[in-house]
Every structure is written in structure tokens, then in C-alpha cells.
Amino acid sequence: RIGVRIVDNGIPFDPTNVAEPEVPESVEDAKIGGHGVQLMRHFLESLAYQRLGNENHLILVTKPKTT
């Protein structure tokens, strides 16, 4: 497994509480923005968020495929 912890002191934002966007019927109908969290959920094994003091902690974990 590979894990990455991202820490910042910005505005609190918990991507684990973001609703999944509607899937459009075509690319032309797709809205701009809002797909980053969806991509993280698709490609990561786990995604966790904590607010510790004045800091955002985002933990991303993936398990590389073996060939």
C-alpha cells in the first residue's frame, strides 16, 4: 500500500462528505468542476479526512496493481 497525508491550514473541507455528482448522458451535458472527489473515490483504496486544530489532514491510500 502507498499512503499520502496532505496537511494544510486552509478553509475546512471534508471531501468524504461530498455527494457523488450526477453522471451526464453525454460529455456535452457534463458540468465543469466537481469531479475530483469522484476520481479520488474511484482510484483510491481509502480516503480519510480529519480537522486537527487549524489544519486539514487528508489521507489517501492506494494499493498498486501487481503484474
N, C-alpha and C. Protein backbone atom coordinates (compact mmCIF):
# COMPACT_ATOMS: atom_id res chain seq x y z
N ARG A 1 0.84 -1.18 0.00
CA ARG A 1 0.00 0.00 0.00
C ARG A 1 0.88 1.24 0.00
N ILE A 2 0.35 2.28 -0.59
CA ILE A 2 1.03 3.58 -0.59
C ILE A 2 0.07 4.58 0.04
N GLY A 3 0.55 5.32 1.02
CA GLY A 3 -0.27 6.32 1.68
C GLY A 3 0.36 7.70 1.59
N VAL A 4 -0.49 8.68 1.45
CA VAL A 4 -0.05 10.08 1.40
C VAL A 4 -0.93 10.88 2.34
N ARG A 5 -0.31 11.70 3.17
CA ARG A 5 -1.06 12.61 4.04
C ARG A 5 -0.79 14.03 3.56
N ILE A 6 -1.85 14.74 3.25
CA ILE A 6 -1.75 16.13 2.82
C ILE A 6 -2.27 17.00 3.96
N VAL A 7 -1.46 17.96 4.40
CA VAL A 7 -1.83 18.83 5.51
C VAL A 7 -1.78 20.27 5.02
N ASP A 8 -2.85 21.02 5.33
CA ASP A 8 -2.85 22.45 5.02
C ASP A 8 -3.62 23.18 6.11
N ASN A 9 -3.50 24.50 6.12
CA ASN A 9 -4.21 25.30 7.12
C ASN A 9 -5.27 26.17 6.47
N GLY A 10 -5.86 25.67 5.40
CA GLY A 10 -6.89 26.42 4.69
C GLY A 10 -8.27 26.24 5.31
N ILE A 11 -9.27 26.66 4.57
CA ILE A 11 -10.66 26.54 4.98
C ILE A 11 -11.00 25.06 5.13
N PRO A 12 -11.70 24.66 6.20
CA PRO A 12 -12.07 23.26 6.37
C PRO A 12 -12.89 22.75 5.18
N PHE A 13 -12.50 21.59 4.65
CA PHE A 13 -13.23 20.95 3.56
C PHE A 13 -13.05 19.46 3.68
N ASP A 14 -14.16 18.76 3.90
CA ASP A 14 -14.13 17.30 4.05
C ASP A 14 -14.65 16.65 2.78
N PRO A 15 -13.77 16.16 1.91
CA PRO A 15 -14.22 15.55 0.66
C PRO A 15 -14.96 14.23 0.86
N THR A 16 -14.85 13.64 2.06
CA THR A 16 -15.57 12.39 2.30
C THR A 16 -17.07 12.63 2.50
N ASN A 17 -17.48 13.89 2.70
CA ASN A 17 -18.90 14.23 2.88
C ASN A 17 -19.52 14.84 1.63
N VAL A 18 -18.82 14.81 0.51
CA VAL A 18 -19.32 15.38 -0.74
C VAL A 18 -20.19 14.34 -1.44
N ALA A 19 -21.38 14.76 -1.86
CA ALA A 19 -22.27 13.84 -2.59
C ALA A 19 -21.69 13.54 -3.96
N GLU A 20 -21.97 12.34 -4.45
CA GLU A 20 -21.50 11.96 -5.79
C GLU A 20 -22.25 12.78 -6.83
N PRO A 21 -21.53 13.30 -7.84
CA PRO A 21 -22.20 14.09 -8.87
C PRO A 21 -23.06 13.20 -9.78
N GLU A 22 -24.05 13.81 -10.38
CA GLU A 22 -24.86 13.08 -11.34
C GLU A 22 -24.02 12.78 -12.57
N VAL A 23 -24.20 11.59 -13.11
CA VAL A 23 -23.47 11.20 -14.32
C VAL A 23 -24.29 11.65 -15.52
N PRO A 24 -23.72 12.53 -16.36
CA PRO A 24 -24.47 13.03 -17.52
C PRO A 24 -24.60 11.95 -18.60
N GLU A 25 -25.57 12.14 -19.47
CA GLU A 25 -25.76 11.19 -20.56
C GLU A 25 -24.67 11.33 -21.62
N SER A 26 -24.09 12.53 -21.74
CA SER A 26 -23.04 12.75 -22.73
C SER A 26 -22.03 13.74 -22.18
N VAL A 27 -20.87 13.80 -22.81
CA VAL A 27 -19.84 14.75 -22.41
C VAL A 27 -20.33 16.18 -22.58
N GLU A 28 -21.13 16.42 -23.60
CA GLU A 28 -21.65 17.76 -23.85
C GLU A 28 -22.55 18.23 -22.71
N ASP A 29 -23.20 17.30 -22.01
CA ASP A 29 -24.10 17.64 -20.91
C ASP A 29 -23.37 17.74 -19.57
N ALA A 30 -22.10 17.39 -19.53
CA ALA A 30 -21.34 17.39 -18.28
C ALA A 30 -21.11 18.81 -17.78
N LYS A 31 -21.19 18.95 -16.46
CA LYS A 31 -20.92 20.24 -15.83
C LYS A 31 -19.41 20.35 -15.57
N ILE A 32 -18.90 21.56 -15.59
CA ILE A 32 -17.49 21.80 -15.30
C ILE A 32 -17.31 21.78 -13.79
N GLY A 33 -16.31 21.06 -13.33
CA GLY A 33 -15.99 21.02 -11.91
C GLY A 33 -16.76 19.95 -11.15
N GLY A 34 -16.25 19.64 -9.95
CA GLY A 34 -16.92 18.71 -9.08
C GLY A 34 -16.61 17.25 -9.31
N HIS A 35 -15.62 16.95 -10.13
CA HIS A 35 -15.33 15.55 -10.43
C HIS A 35 -14.06 15.04 -9.77
N GLY A 36 -13.30 15.91 -9.13
CA GLY A 36 -12.05 15.49 -8.49
C GLY A 36 -12.26 14.48 -7.37
N VAL A 37 -13.26 14.73 -6.52
CA VAL A 37 -13.55 13.81 -5.43
C VAL A 37 -14.00 12.46 -5.99
N GLN A 38 -14.79 12.50 -7.05
CA GLN A 38 -15.24 11.26 -7.70
C GLN A 38 -14.05 10.45 -8.21
N LEU A 39 -13.07 11.13 -8.80
CA LEU A 39 -11.87 10.44 -9.28
C LEU A 39 -11.08 9.83 -8.12
N MET A 40 -10.96 10.57 -7.01
CA MET A 40 -10.25 10.03 -5.85
C MET A 40 -10.95 8.78 -5.33
N ARG A 41 -12.27 8.82 -5.23
CA ARG A 41 -13.01 7.65 -4.74
C ARG A 41 -12.83 6.45 -5.66
N HIS A 42 -12.75 6.71 -6.94
CA HIS A 42 -12.62 5.62 -7.91
C HIS A 42 -11.24 4.94 -7.83
N PHE A 43 -10.19 5.75 -7.74
CA PHE A 43 -8.84 5.21 -7.84
C PHE A 43 -8.18 4.86 -6.51
N LEU A 44 -8.69 5.36 -5.40
CA LEU A 44 -8.06 5.12 -4.10
C LEU A 44 -8.73 3.96 -3.37
N GLU A 45 -7.93 3.29 -2.57
CA GLU A 45 -8.47 2.24 -1.70
C GLU A 45 -9.22 2.86 -0.53
N SER A 46 -8.67 3.97 -0.01
CA SER A 46 -9.37 4.68 1.06
C SER A 46 -9.03 6.16 1.02
N LEU A 47 -9.96 6.94 1.55
CA LEU A 47 -9.84 8.40 1.60
C LEU A 47 -10.38 8.82 2.96
N ALA A 48 -9.56 9.51 3.74
CA ALA A 48 -9.99 9.92 5.09
C ALA A 48 -9.63 11.38 5.31
N TYR A 49 -10.44 12.04 6.13
CA TYR A 49 -10.24 13.46 6.43
C TYR A 49 -10.35 13.67 7.93
N GLN A 50 -9.49 14.55 8.45
CA GLN A 50 -9.56 14.97 9.84
C GLN A 50 -9.26 16.46 9.91
N ARG A 51 -9.93 17.16 10.81
CA ARG A 51 -9.59 18.54 11.11
C ARG A 51 -8.96 18.51 12.49
N LEU A 52 -7.67 18.82 12.54
CA LEU A 52 -6.92 18.81 13.79
C LEU A 52 -6.45 20.23 14.07
N GLY A 53 -7.04 20.86 15.06
CA GLY A 53 -6.71 22.25 15.35
C GLY A 53 -7.09 23.13 14.18
N ASN A 54 -6.13 23.84 13.62
CA ASN A 54 -6.36 24.70 12.46
C ASN A 54 -5.92 24.05 11.16
N GLU A 55 -5.74 22.74 11.17
CA GLU A 55 -5.21 22.06 9.98
C GLU A 55 -6.18 21.03 9.42
N ASN A 56 -6.20 20.94 8.10
CA ASN A 56 -6.90 19.88 7.38
C ASN A 56 -5.90 18.76 7.14
N HIS A 57 -6.29 17.53 7.43
CA HIS A 57 -5.45 16.36 7.17
C HIS A 57 -6.24 15.44 6.24
N LEU A 58 -5.73 15.23 5.05
CA LEU A 58 -6.36 14.35 4.07
C LEU A 58 -5.42 13.17 3.85
N ILE A 59 -5.93 11.96 4.08
CA ILE A 59 -5.12 10.76 3.96
C ILE A 59 -5.63 9.94 2.78
N LEU A 60 -4.75 9.72 1.81
CA LEU A 60 -5.08 8.97 0.60
C LEU A 60 -4.28 7.68 0.61
N VAL A 61 -4.94 6.55 0.38
CA VAL A 61 -4.26 5.25 0.37
C VAL A 61 -4.65 4.51 -0.89
N THR A 62 -3.64 3.95 -1.56
CA THR A 62 -3.88 3.15 -2.75
C THR A 62 -3.07 1.87 -2.65
N LYS A 63 -3.52 0.88 -3.36
CA LYS A 63 -2.80 -0.39 -3.42
C LYS A 63 -2.48 -0.63 -4.89
N PRO A 64 -1.20 -0.45 -5.26
CA PRO A 64 -0.83 -0.63 -6.67
C PRO A 64 -1.14 -2.04 -7.16
N LYS A 65 -1.56 -2.13 -8.40
CA LYS A 65 -1.82 -3.43 -9.00
C LYS A 65 -0.49 -4.11 -9.29
N THR A 66 -0.46 -5.41 -9.04
CA THR A 66 0.75 -6.17 -9.36
C THR A 66 0.55 -6.83 -10.72
N THR A 67 1.63 -6.92 -11.47
CA THR A 67 1.54 -7.52 -12.80
C THR A 67 2.29 -8.82 -12.87
